[in-house]
Amino acid sequence: MSYKICSKIWLEGQGKGFGDGPCRLLQGIKNTGSLRRSAAEMNMSYAQAWNLIRMLEKNLGFPLLIRQVGGSDGGGSTLSPEGEELLKHYTELRRDIDRYLEILFNKHFPGS
């Protein structure tokens, strides 16, 4: 039987934490410039994504997004400096954790 290691990582503080889902949402916003498009790519409703962002901003104590309301060019969202920093550090942390988990997995389950 062949195994692989899986993990779920999140940061906790005041209330619900920041994890892989919110990280994907922020990465999508960074790539598309749109909360709506990022949510759609994740098969998440805009309302659900918007509520998640508001809850995270409240719990984290800083804004994740800089919002631009409608107009001739339409609206959009970009990451705030704090949102960029959180995304960068979480992504690096996740990459390091995955790398070390793989090393430990191979140590304890050689040949899997």
PDB file of N, CA and C in Angstrom:
ATOM      1  N   MET A   1       0.834  -1.182   0.000  1.00  0.00           N
ATOM      2  CA  MET A   1       0.000   0.000   0.000  1.00  0.00           C
ATOM      3  C   MET A   1       0.878   1.244   0.000  1.00  0.00           C
ATOM      4  N   SER A   2       0.522   2.192  -0.798  1.00  0.00           N
ATOM      5  CA  SER A   2       1.290   3.423  -0.924  1.00  0.00           C
ATOM      6  C   SER A   2       0.589   4.561  -0.169  1.00  0.00           C
ATOM      7  N   TYR A   3       1.367   5.329   0.558  1.00  0.00           N
ATOM      8  CA  TYR A   3       0.851   6.451   1.326  1.00  0.00           C
ATOM      9  C   TYR A   3       1.451   7.759   0.846  1.00  0.00           C
ATOM     10  N   LYS A   4       0.791   8.835   1.198  1.00  0.00           N
ATOM     11  CA  LYS A   4       1.367  10.165   1.043  1.00  0.00           C
ATOM     12  C   LYS A   4       0.960  10.957   2.266  1.00  0.00           C
ATOM     13  N   ILE A   5       1.710  11.989   2.572  1.00  0.00           N
ATOM     14  CA  ILE A   5       1.393  12.797   3.749  1.00  0.00           C
ATOM     15  C   ILE A   5       0.564  14.001   3.335  1.00  0.00           C
ATOM     16  N   CYS A   6      -0.431  14.311   4.147  1.00  0.00           N
ATOM     17  CA  CYS A   6      -1.287  15.476   3.931  1.00  0.00           C
ATOM     18  C   CYS A   6      -1.344  16.245   5.240  1.00  0.00           C
ATOM     19  N   SER A   7      -1.496  17.529   5.147  1.00  0.00           N
ATOM     20  CA  SER A   7      -1.578  18.330   6.367  1.00  0.00           C
ATOM     21  C   SER A   7      -2.469  19.531   6.138  1.00  0.00           C
ATOM     22  N   LYS A   8      -2.976  20.029   7.237  1.00  0.00           N
ATOM     23  CA  LYS A   8      -3.764  21.249   7.235  1.00  0.00           C
ATOM     24  C   LYS A   8      -3.106  22.189   8.236  1.00  0.00           C
ATOM     25  N   ILE A   9      -2.756  23.361   7.778  1.00  0.00           N
ATOM     26  CA  ILE A   9      -2.057  24.339   8.605  1.00  0.00           C
ATOM     27  C   ILE A   9      -2.857  25.631   8.603  1.00  0.00           C
ATOM     28  N   TRP A  10      -2.972  26.258   9.751  1.00  0.00           N
ATOM     29  CA  TRP A  10      -3.579  27.582   9.790  1.00  0.00           C
ATOM     30  C   TRP A  10      -3.012  28.357  10.959  1.00  0.00           C
ATOM     31  N   LEU A  11      -3.120  29.660  10.874  1.00  0.00           N
ATOM     32  CA  LEU A  11      -2.694  30.564  11.930  1.00  0.00           C
ATOM     33  C   LEU A  11      -3.928  30.935  12.736  1.00  0.00           C
ATOM     34  N   GLU A  12      -3.828  30.914  14.045  1.00  0.00           N
ATOM     35  CA  GLU A  12      -4.942  31.290  14.896  1.00  0.00           C
ATOM     36  C   GLU A  12      -4.561  32.484  15.738  1.00  0.00           C
ATOM     37  N   GLY A  13      -5.547  33.292  16.018  1.00  0.00           N
ATOM     38  CA  GLY A  13      -5.369  34.443  16.883  1.00  0.00           C
ATOM     39  C   GLY A  13      -6.703  34.747  17.530  1.00  0.00           C
ATOM     40  N   GLN A  14      -7.217  35.911  17.233  1.00  0.00           N
ATOM     41  CA  GLN A  14      -8.535  36.315  17.719  1.00  0.00           C
ATOM     42  C   GLN A  14      -9.594  35.765  16.764  1.00  0.00           C
ATOM     43  N   GLY A  15     -10.172  34.622  17.079  1.00  0.00           N
ATOM     44  CA  GLY A  15     -11.187  34.042  16.212  1.00  0.00           C
ATOM     45  C   GLY A  15     -10.583  33.152  15.152  1.00  0.00           C
ATOM     46  N   LYS A  16     -11.375  32.936  14.092  1.00  0.00           N
ATOM     47  CA  LYS A  16     -10.971  32.026  13.007  1.00  0.00           C
ATOM     48  C   LYS A  16      -9.628  32.447  12.429  1.00  0.00           C
ATOM     49  N   GLY A  17      -8.818  31.461  12.089  1.00  0.00           N
ATOM     50  CA  GLY A  17      -7.473  31.719  11.619  1.00  0.00           C
ATOM     51  C   GLY A  17      -7.343  31.835  10.115  1.00  0.00           C
ATOM     52  N   PHE A  18      -6.136  32.070   9.694  1.00  0.00           N
ATOM     53  CA  PHE A  18      -5.770  32.216   8.288  1.00  0.00           C
ATOM     54  C   PHE A  18      -5.087  30.933   7.852  1.00  0.00           C
ATOM     55  N   GLY A  19      -5.607  30.320   6.771  1.00  0.00           N
ATOM     56  CA  GLY A  19      -5.043  29.062   6.306  1.00  0.00           C
ATOM     57  C   GLY A  19      -4.975  28.992   4.796  1.00  0.00           C
ATOM     58  N   ASP A  20      -4.987  27.768   4.276  1.00  0.00           N
ATOM     59  CA  ASP A  20      -4.810  27.552   2.843  1.00  0.00           C
ATOM     60  C   ASP A  20      -5.919  28.176   1.995  1.00  0.00           C
ATOM     61  N   GLY A  21      -7.174  28.079   2.446  1.00  0.00           N
ATOM     62  CA  GLY A  21      -8.278  28.665   1.677  1.00  0.00           C
ATOM     63  C   GLY A  21      -8.157  30.169   1.525  1.00  0.00           C
ATOM     64  N   PRO A  22      -8.047  30.910   2.633  1.00  0.00           N
ATOM     65  CA  PRO A  22      -7.851  32.344   2.519  1.00  0.00           C
ATOM     66  C   PRO A  22      -6.578  32.707   1.741  1.00  0.00           C
ATOM     67  N   CYS A  23      -5.540  31.899   1.888  1.00  0.00           N
ATOM     68  CA  CYS A  23      -4.311  32.136   1.128  1.00  0.00           C
ATOM     69  C   CYS A  23      -4.581  32.054  -0.370  1.00  0.00           C
ATOM     70  N   ARG A  24      -5.321  31.023  -0.791  1.00  0.00           N
ATOM     71  CA  ARG A  24      -5.675  30.885  -2.214  1.00  0.00           C
ATOM     72  C   ARG A  24      -6.522  32.063  -2.690  1.00  0.00           C
ATOM     73  N   LEU A  25      -7.448  32.513  -1.839  1.00  0.00           N
ATOM     74  CA  LEU A  25      -8.295  33.650  -2.196  1.00  0.00           C
ATOM     75  C   LEU A  25      -7.441  34.902  -2.398  1.00  0.00           C
ATOM     76  N   LEU A  26      -6.525  35.176  -1.481  1.00  0.00           N
ATOM     77  CA  LEU A  26      -5.649  36.348  -1.624  1.00  0.00           C
ATOM     78  C   LEU A  26      -4.746  36.219  -2.845  1.00  0.00           C
ATOM     79  N   GLN A  27      -4.213  35.028  -3.083  1.00  0.00           N
ATOM     80  CA  GLN A  27      -3.357  34.835  -4.260  1.00  0.00           C
ATOM     81  C   GLN A  27      -4.148  35.102  -5.533  1.00  0.00           C
ATOM     82  N   GLY A  28      -5.388  34.648  -5.566  1.00  0.00           N
ATOM     83  CA  GLY A  28      -6.250  34.904  -6.722  1.00  0.00           C
ATOM     84  C   GLY A  28      -6.525  36.380  -6.917  1.00  0.00           C
ATOM     85  N   ILE A  29      -6.745  37.107  -5.807  1.00  0.00           N
ATOM     86  CA  ILE A  29      -6.957  38.551  -5.894  1.00  0.00           C
ATOM     87  C   ILE A  29      -5.704  39.227  -6.418  1.00  0.00           C
ATOM     88  N   LYS A  30      -4.565  38.789  -5.931  1.00  0.00           N
ATOM     89  CA  LYS A  30      -3.294  39.352  -6.409  1.00  0.00           C
ATOM     90  C   LYS A  30      -3.126  39.115  -7.904  1.00  0.00           C
ATOM     91  N   ASN A  31      -3.502  37.931  -8.368  1.00  0.00           N
ATOM     92  CA  ASN A  31      -3.338  37.583  -9.788  1.00  0.00           C
ATOM     93  C   ASN A  31      -4.360  38.244 -10.690  1.00  0.00           C
ATOM     94  N   THR A  32      -5.591  38.405 -10.204  1.00  0.00           N
ATOM     95  CA  THR A  32      -6.667  38.894 -11.071  1.00  0.00           C
ATOM     96  C   THR A  32      -7.063  40.344 -10.819  1.00  0.00           C
ATOM     97  N   GLY A  33      -6.730  40.870  -9.638  1.00  0.00           N
ATOM     98  CA  GLY A  33      -7.166  42.218  -9.293  1.00  0.00           C
ATOM     99  C   GLY A  33      -8.639  42.275  -8.936  1.00  0.00           C
ATOM    100  N   SER A  34      -9.226  41.118  -8.590  1.00  0.00           N
ATOM    101  CA  SER A  34     -10.663  41.072  -8.360  1.00  0.00           C
ATOM    102  C   SER A  34     -11.024  40.014  -7.328  1.00  0.00           C
ATOM    103  N   LEU A  35     -11.741  40.433  -6.294  1.00  0.00           N
ATOM    104  CA  LEU A  35     -12.263  39.491  -5.320  1.00  0.00           C
ATOM    105  C   LEU A  35     -13.293  38.585  -5.983  1.00  0.00           C
ATOM    106  N   ARG A  36     -14.127  39.159  -6.819  1.00  0.00           N
ATOM    107  CA  ARG A  36     -15.177  38.388  -7.500  1.00  0.00           C
ATOM    108  C   ARG A  36     -14.577  37.277  -8.366  1.00  0.00           C
ATOM    109  N   ARG A  37     -13.555  37.599  -9.156  1.00  0.00           N
ATOM    110  CA  ARG A  37     -12.931  36.586 -10.021  1.00  0.00           C
ATOM    111  C   ARG A  37     -12.200  35.528  -9.208  1.00  0.00           C
ATOM    112  N   SER A  38     -11.514  35.971  -8.168  1.00  0.00           N
ATOM    113  CA  SER A  38     -10.800  35.015  -7.330  1.00  0.00           C
ATOM    114  C   SER A  38     -11.776  34.045  -6.681  1.00  0.00           C
ATOM    115  N   ALA A  39     -12.881  34.559  -6.166  1.00  0.00           N
ATOM    116  CA  ALA A  39     -13.896  33.707  -5.554  1.00  0.00           C
ATOM    117  C   ALA A  39     -14.460  32.725  -6.583  1.00  0.00           C
ATOM    118  N   ALA A  40     -14.762  33.210  -7.782  1.00  0.00           N
ATOM    119  CA  ALA A  40     -15.324  32.353  -8.831  1.00  0.00           C
ATOM    120  C   ALA A  40     -14.360  31.228  -9.190  1.00  0.00           C
ATOM    121  N   GLU A  41     -13.063  31.521  -9.238  1.00  0.00           N
ATOM    122  CA  GLU A  41     -12.064  30.493  -9.548  1.00  0.00           C
ATOM    123  C   GLU A  41     -12.030  29.397  -8.484  1.00  0.00           C
ATOM    124  N   MET A  42     -12.476  29.745  -7.263  1.00  0.00           N
ATOM    125  CA  MET A  42     -12.496  28.785  -6.168  1.00  0.00           C
ATOM    126  C   MET A  42     -13.886  28.175  -5.981  1.00  0.00           C
ATOM    127  N   ASN A  43     -14.796  28.472  -6.909  1.00  0.00           N
ATOM    128  CA  ASN A  43     -16.188  28.026  -6.782  1.00  0.00           C
ATOM    129  C   ASN A  43     -16.813  28.498  -5.470  1.00  0.00           C
ATOM    130  N   MET A  44     -16.506  29.738  -5.109  1.00  0.00           N
ATOM    131  CA  MET A  44     -17.015  30.357  -3.896  1.00  0.00           C
ATOM    132  C   MET A  44     -17.865  31.551  -4.323  1.00  0.00           C
ATOM    133  N   SER A  45     -18.958  31.784  -3.636  1.00  0.00           N
ATOM    134  CA  SER A  45     -19.778  32.938  -3.983  1.00  0.00           C
ATOM    135  C   SER A  45     -19.047  34.218  -3.581  1.00  0.00           C
ATOM    136  N   TYR A  46     -19.382  35.291  -4.274  1.00  0.00           N
ATOM    137  CA  TYR A  46     -18.790  36.592  -3.942  1.00  0.00           C
ATOM    138  C   TYR A  46     -19.137  36.968  -2.504  1.00  0.00           C
ATOM    139  N   ALA A  47     -20.393  36.750  -2.099  1.00  0.00           N
ATOM    140  CA  ALA A  47     -20.818  37.094  -0.736  1.00  0.00           C
ATOM    141  C   ALA A  47     -20.013  36.312   0.297  1.00  0.00           C
ATOM    142  N   GLN A  48     -19.782  35.030   0.040  1.00  0.00           N
ATOM    143  CA  GLN A  48     -19.003  34.201   0.961  1.00  0.00           C
ATOM    144  C   GLN A  48     -17.564  34.715   1.052  1.00  0.00           C
ATOM    145  N   ALA A  49     -16.980  35.052  -0.092  1.00  0.00           N
ATOM    146  CA  ALA A  49     -15.609  35.567  -0.112  1.00  0.00           C
ATOM    147  C   ALA A  49     -15.522  36.907   0.607  1.00  0.00           C
ATOM    148  N   TRP A  50     -16.487  37.769   0.355  1.00  0.00           N
ATOM    149  CA  TRP A  50     -16.507  39.095   0.977  1.00  0.00           C
ATOM    150  C   TRP A  50     -16.642  38.953   2.493  1.00  0.00           C
ATOM    151  N   ASN A  51     -17.531  38.063   2.959  1.00  0.00           N
ATOM    152  CA  ASN A  51     -17.687  37.834   4.397  1.00  0.00           C
ATOM    153  C   ASN A  51     -16.412  37.266   5.014  1.00  0.00           C
ATOM    154  N   LEU A  52     -15.740  36.378   4.301  1.00  0.00           N
ATOM    155  CA  LEU A  52     -14.487  35.815   4.790  1.00  0.00           C
ATOM    156  C   LEU A  52     -13.432  36.905   4.941  1.00  0.00           C
ATOM    157  N   ILE A  53     -13.301  37.761   3.943  1.00  0.00           N
ATOM    158  CA  ILE A  53     -12.321  38.847   4.012  1.00  0.00           C
ATOM    159  C   ILE A  53     -12.624  39.774   5.181  1.00  0.00           C
ATOM    160  N   ARG A  54     -13.877  40.168   5.342  1.00  0.00           N
ATOM    161  CA  ARG A  54     -14.247  41.062   6.452  1.00  0.00           C
ATOM    162  C   ARG A  54     -13.950  40.420   7.807  1.00  0.00           C
ATOM    163  N   MET A  55     -14.286  39.127   7.958  1.00  0.00           N
ATOM    164  CA  MET A  55     -14.026  38.436   9.204  1.00  0.00           C
ATOM    165  C   MET A  55     -12.521  38.347   9.488  1.00  0.00           C
ATOM    166  N   LEU A  56     -11.752  38.012   8.446  1.00  0.00           N
ATOM    167  CA  LEU A  56     -10.299  37.931   8.627  1.00  0.00           C
ATOM    168  C   LEU A  56      -9.711  39.282   8.990  1.00  0.00           C
ATOM    169  N   GLU A  57     -10.140  40.336   8.318  1.00  0.00           N
ATOM    170  CA  GLU A  57      -9.637  41.683   8.621  1.00  0.00           C
ATOM    171  C   GLU A  57      -9.950  42.059  10.069  1.00  0.00           C
ATOM    172  N   LYS A  58     -11.144  41.720  10.518  1.00  0.00           N
ATOM    173  CA  LYS A  58     -11.521  42.004  11.909  1.00  0.00           C
ATOM    174  C   LYS A  58     -10.637  41.230  12.875  1.00  0.00           C
ATOM    175  N   ASN A  59     -10.466  39.931  12.618  1.00  0.00           N
ATOM    176  CA  ASN A  59      -9.682  39.088  13.513  1.00  0.00           C
ATOM    177  C   ASN A  59      -8.189  39.419  13.486  1.00  0.00           C
ATOM    178  N   LEU A  60      -7.681  39.773  12.305  1.00  0.00           N
ATOM    179  CA  LEU A  60      -6.255  40.077  12.177  1.00  0.00           C
ATOM    180  C   LEU A  60      -5.917  41.490  12.661  1.00  0.00           C
ATOM    181  N   GLY A  61      -6.887  42.394  12.560  1.00  0.00           N
ATOM    182  CA  GLY A  61      -6.657  43.762  13.013  1.00  0.00           C
ATOM    183  C   GLY A  61      -6.032  44.667  11.975  1.00  0.00           C
ATOM    184  N   PHE A  62      -6.057  44.242  10.716  1.00  0.00           N
ATOM    185  CA  PHE A  62      -5.551  45.092   9.644  1.00  0.00           C
ATOM    186  C   PHE A  62      -6.266  44.748   8.340  1.00  0.00           C
ATOM    187  N   PRO A  63      -6.286  45.698   7.408  1.00  0.00           N
ATOM    188  CA  PRO A  63      -6.957  45.438   6.129  1.00  0.00           C
ATOM    189  C   PRO A  63      -6.123  44.505   5.250  1.00  0.00           C
ATOM    190  N   LEU A  64      -6.817  43.598   4.574  1.00  0.00           N
ATOM    191  CA  LEU A  64      -6.154  42.711   3.622  1.00  0.00           C
ATOM    192  C   LEU A  64      -6.204  43.276   2.212  1.00  0.00           C
ATOM    193  N   LEU A  65      -7.230  44.078   1.936  1.00  0.00           N
ATOM    194  CA  LEU A  65      -7.457  44.573   0.581  1.00  0.00           C
ATOM    195  C   LEU A  65      -7.541  46.083   0.532  1.00  0.00           C
ATOM    196  N   ILE A  66      -7.193  46.598  -0.622  1.00  0.00           N
ATOM    197  CA  ILE A  66      -7.482  47.978  -0.987  1.00  0.00           C
ATOM    198  C   ILE A  66      -8.525  47.860  -2.089  1.00  0.00           C
ATOM    199  N   ARG A  67      -9.703  48.404  -1.817  1.00  0.00           N
ATOM    200  CA  ARG A  67     -10.824  48.251  -2.740  1.00  0.00           C
ATOM    201  C   ARG A  67     -10.993  49.497  -3.589  1.00  0.00           C
ATOM    202  N   GLN A  68     -11.314  49.271  -4.847  1.00  0.00           N
ATOM    203  CA  GLN A  68     -11.631  50.364  -5.758  1.00  0.00           C
ATOM    204  C   GLN A  68     -13.066  50.150  -6.207  1.00  0.00           C
ATOM    205  N   VAL A  69     -13.922  51.110  -5.880  1.00  0.00           N
ATOM    206  CA  VAL A  69     -15.341  50.990  -6.207  1.00  0.00           C
ATOM    207  C   VAL A  69     -15.561  51.317  -7.667  1.00  0.00           C
ATOM    208  N   GLY A  70     -16.417  50.553  -8.342  1.00  0.00           N
ATOM    209  CA  GLY A  70     -16.892  50.749  -9.716  1.00  0.00           C
ATOM    210  C   GLY A  70     -16.257  51.857 -10.526  1.00  0.00           C
ATOM    211  N   GLY A  71     -17.063  52.550 -11.292  1.00  0.00           N
ATOM    212  CA  GLY A  71     -16.570  53.598 -12.162  1.00  0.00           C
ATOM    213  C   GLY A  71     -16.487  53.101 -13.589  1.00  0.00           C
ATOM    214  N   SER A  72     -15.921  53.926 -14.471  1.00  0.00           N
ATOM    215  CA  SER A  72     -15.867  53.574 -15.895  1.00  0.00           C
ATOM    216  C   SER A  72     -15.018  52.334 -16.160  1.00  0.00           C
ATOM    217  N   ASP A  73     -13.987  52.128 -15.358  1.00  0.00           N
ATOM    218  CA  ASP A  73     -13.123  50.958 -15.526  1.00  0.00           C
ATOM    219  C   ASP A  73     -13.579  49.770 -14.680  1.00  0.00           C
ATOM    220  N   GLY A  74     -14.670  49.946 -13.961  1.00  0.00           N
ATOM    221  CA  GLY A  74     -15.120  48.889 -13.062  1.00  0.00           C
ATOM    222  C   GLY A  74     -14.325  48.926 -11.778  1.00  0.00           C
ATOM    223  N   GLY A  75     -14.757  48.166 -10.810  1.00  0.00           N
ATOM    224  CA  GLY A  75     -14.063  48.129  -9.523  1.00  0.00           C
ATOM    225  C   GLY A  75     -12.942  47.118  -9.545  1.00  0.00           C
ATOM    226  N   GLY A  76     -12.421  46.870  -8.387  1.00  0.00           N
ATOM    227  CA  GLY A  76     -11.356  45.891  -8.277  1.00  0.00           C
ATOM    228  C   GLY A  76     -10.785  45.906  -6.878  1.00  0.00           C
ATOM    229  N   SER A  77      -9.894  45.006  -6.622  1.00  0.00           N
ATOM    230  CA  SER A  77      -9.238  44.906  -5.326  1.00  0.00           C
ATOM    231  C   SER A  77      -7.776  44.553  -5.534  1.00  0.00           C
ATOM    232  N   THR A  78      -6.954  45.146  -4.714  1.00  0.00           N
ATOM    233  CA  THR A  78      -5.549  44.772  -4.660  1.00  0.00           C
ATOM    234  C   THR A  78      -5.221  44.470  -3.200  1.00  0.00           C
ATOM    235  N   LEU A  79      -4.160  43.768  -2.980  1.00  0.00           N
ATOM    236  CA  LEU A  79      -3.768  43.462  -1.611  1.00  0.00           C
ATOM    237  C   LEU A  79      -3.163  44.692  -0.958  1.00  0.00           C
ATOM    238  N   SER A  80      -3.515  44.896   0.302  1.00  0.00           N
ATOM    239  CA  SER A  80      -2.891  45.959   1.088  1.00  0.00           C
ATOM    240  C   SER A  80      -1.444  45.547   1.350  1.00  0.00           C
ATOM    241  N   PRO A  81      -0.600  46.473   1.774  1.00  0.00           N
ATOM    242  CA  PRO A  81       0.768  46.074   2.131  1.00  0.00           C
ATOM    243  C   PRO A  81       0.786  44.965   3.192  1.00  0.00           C
ATOM    244  N   GLU A  82      -0.121  45.056   4.170  1.00  0.00           N
ATOM    245  CA  GLU A  82      -0.194  44.014   5.199  1.00  0.00           C
ATOM    246  C   GLU A  82      -0.678  42.690   4.612  1.00  0.00           C
ATOM    247  N   GLY A  83      -1.618  42.765   3.676  1.00  0.00           N
ATOM    248  CA  GLY A  83      -2.100  41.558   3.004  1.00  0.00           C
ATOM    249  C   GLY A  83      -0.995  40.901   2.184  1.00  0.00           C
ATOM    250  N   GLU A  84      -0.216  41.719   1.484  1.00  0.00           N
ATOM    251  CA  GLU A  84       0.937  41.203   0.712  1.00  0.00           C
ATOM    252  C   GLU A  84       1.916  40.496   1.633  1.00  0.00           C
ATOM    253  N   GLU A  85       2.207  41.132   2.758  1.00  0.00           N
ATOM    254  CA  GLU A  85       3.167  40.574   3.712  1.00  0.00           C
ATOM    255  C   GLU A  85       2.661  39.252   4.294  1.00  0.00           C
ATOM    256  N   LEU A  86       1.393  39.215   4.682  1.00  0.00           N
ATOM    257  CA  LEU A  86       0.803  37.985   5.210  1.00  0.00           C
ATOM    258  C   LEU A  86       0.855  36.874   4.173  1.00  0.00           C
ATOM    259  N   LEU A  87       0.469  37.172   2.942  1.00  0.00           N
ATOM    260  CA  LEU A  87       0.492  36.180   1.867  1.00  0.00           C
ATOM    261  C   LEU A  87       1.905  35.654   1.649  1.00  0.00           C
ATOM    262  N   LYS A  88       2.864  36.533   1.610  1.00  0.00           N
ATOM    263  CA  LYS A  88       4.268  36.150   1.392  1.00  0.00           C
ATOM    264  C   LYS A  88       4.752  35.221   2.509  1.00  0.00           C
ATOM    265  N   HIS A  89       4.545  35.627   3.753  1.00  0.00           N
ATOM    266  CA  HIS A  89       5.052  34.838   4.873  1.00  0.00           C
ATOM    267  C   HIS A  89       4.318  33.513   5.017  1.00  0.00           C
ATOM    268  N   TYR A  90       2.996  33.516   4.824  1.00  0.00           N
ATOM    269  CA  TYR A  90       2.247  32.267   4.929  1.00  0.00           C
ATOM    270  C   TYR A  90       2.668  31.299   3.828  1.00  0.00           C
ATOM    271  N   THR A  91       2.833  31.805   2.610  1.00  0.00           N
ATOM    272  CA  THR A  91       3.242  30.963   1.486  1.00  0.00           C
ATOM    273  C   THR A  91       4.613  30.344   1.743  1.00  0.00           C
ATOM    274  N   GLU A  92       5.541  31.148   2.253  1.00  0.00           N
ATOM    275  CA  GLU A  92       6.870  30.630   2.565  1.00  0.00           C
ATOM    276  C   GLU A  92       6.818  29.612   3.704  1.00  0.00           C
ATOM    277  N   LEU A  93       6.019  29.902   4.735  1.00  0.00           N
ATOM    278  CA  LEU A  93       5.856  28.968   5.847  1.00  0.00           C
ATOM    279  C   LEU A  93       5.286  27.651   5.347  1.00  0.00           C
ATOM    280  N   ARG A  94       4.257  27.728   4.528  1.00  0.00           N
ATOM    281  CA  ARG A  94       3.607  26.515   4.014  1.00  0.00           C
ATOM    282  C   ARG A  94       4.588  25.685   3.179  1.00  0.00           C
ATOM    283  N   ARG A  95       5.372  26.359   2.347  1.00  0.00           N
ATOM    284  CA  ARG A  95       6.361  25.654   1.523  1.00  0.00           C
ATOM    285  C   ARG A  95       7.386  24.944   2.408  1.00  0.00           C
ATOM    286  N   ASP A  96       7.878  25.637   3.450  1.00  0.00           N
ATOM    287  CA  ASP A  96       8.858  25.024   4.349  1.00  0.00           C
ATOM    288  C   ASP A  96       8.257  23.846   5.113  1.00  0.00           C
ATOM    289  N   ILE A  97       7.035  24.011   5.597  1.00  0.00           N
ATOM    290  CA  ILE A  97       6.373  22.925   6.326  1.00  0.00           C
ATOM    291  C   ILE A  97       6.209  21.708   5.426  1.00  0.00           C
ATOM    292  N   ASP A  98       5.744  21.929   4.197  1.00  0.00           N
ATOM    293  CA  ASP A  98       5.562  20.808   3.263  1.00  0.00           C
ATOM    294  C   ASP A  98       6.881  20.089   3.000  1.00  0.00           C
ATOM    295  N   ARG A  99       7.949  20.854   2.854  1.00  0.00           N
ATOM    296  CA  ARG A  99       9.269  20.257   2.597  1.00  0.00           C
ATOM    297  C   ARG A  99       9.720  19.405   3.797  1.00  0.00           C
ATOM    298  N   TYR A 100       9.571  19.933   5.003  1.00  0.00           N
ATOM    299  CA  TYR A 100       9.987  19.185   6.183  1.00  0.00           C
ATOM    300  C   TYR A 100       9.083  17.993   6.458  1.00  0.00           C
ATOM    301  N   LEU A 101       7.804  18.136   6.209  1.00  0.00           N
ATOM    302  CA  LEU A 101       6.901  16.997   6.372  1.00  0.00           C
ATOM    303  C   LEU A 101       7.282  15.856   5.438  1.00  0.00           C
ATOM    304  N   GLU A 102       7.658  16.196   4.224  1.00  0.00           N
ATOM    305  CA  GLU A 102       8.069  15.168   3.259  1.00  0.00           C
ATOM    306  C   GLU A 102       9.331  14.447   3.742  1.00  0.00           C
ATOM    307  N   ILE A 103      10.272  15.196   4.296  1.00  0.00           N
ATOM    308  CA  ILE A 103      11.499  14.594   4.840  1.00  0.00           C
ATOM    309  C   ILE A 103      11.151  13.641   5.988  1.00  0.00           C
ATOM    310  N   LEU A 104      10.306  14.107   6.916  1.00  0.00           N
ATOM    311  CA  LEU A 104       9.914  13.263   8.049  1.00  0.00           C
ATOM    312  C   LEU A 104       9.113  12.047   7.599  1.00  0.00           C
ATOM    313  N   PHE A 105       8.238  12.242   6.639  1.00  0.00           N
ATOM    314  CA  PHE A 105       7.444  11.134   6.112  1.00  0.00           C
ATOM    315  C   PHE A 105       8.364  10.068   5.517  1.00  0.00           C
ATOM    316  N   ASN A 106       9.311  10.480   4.707  1.00  0.00           N
ATOM    317  CA  ASN A 106      10.233   9.528   4.085  1.00  0.00           C
ATOM    318  C   ASN A 106      11.099   8.816   5.122  1.00  0.00           C
ATOM    319  N   LYS A 107      11.417   9.497   6.214  1.00  0.00           N
ATOM    320  CA  LYS A 107      12.191   8.889   7.288  1.00  0.00           C
ATOM    321  C   LYS A 107      11.383   7.778   7.972  1.00  0.00           C
ATOM    322  N   HIS A 108      10.115   8.049   8.235  1.00  0.00           N
ATOM    323  CA  HIS A 108       9.287   7.122   8.983  1.00  0.00           C
ATOM    324  C   HIS A 108       8.541   6.105   8.121  1.00  0.00           C
ATOM    325  N   PHE A 109       8.384   6.413   6.836  1.00  0.00           N
ATOM    326  CA  PHE A 109       7.701   5.512   5.908  1.00  0.00           C
ATOM    327  C   PHE A 109       8.554   5.367   4.636  1.00  0.00           C
ATOM    328  N   PRO A 110       9.744   4.823   4.761  1.00  0.00           N
ATOM    329  CA  PRO A 110      10.611   4.701   3.575  1.00  0.00           C
ATOM    330  C   PRO A 110       9.959   3.822   2.517  1.00  0.00           C
ATOM    331  N   GLY A 111      10.097   4.239   1.293  1.00  0.00           N
ATOM    332  CA  GLY A 111       9.585   3.464   0.173  1.00  0.00           C
ATOM    333  C   GLY A 111       8.106   3.660  -0.115  1.00  0.00           C
ATOM    334  N   SER A 112       7.455   4.527   0.619  1.00  0.00           N
ATOM    335  CA  SER A 112       6.008   4.740   0.354  1.00  0.00           C
ATOM    336  C   SER A 112       5.798   5.690  -0.789  1.00  0.00           C
TER     337      SER A 112
END
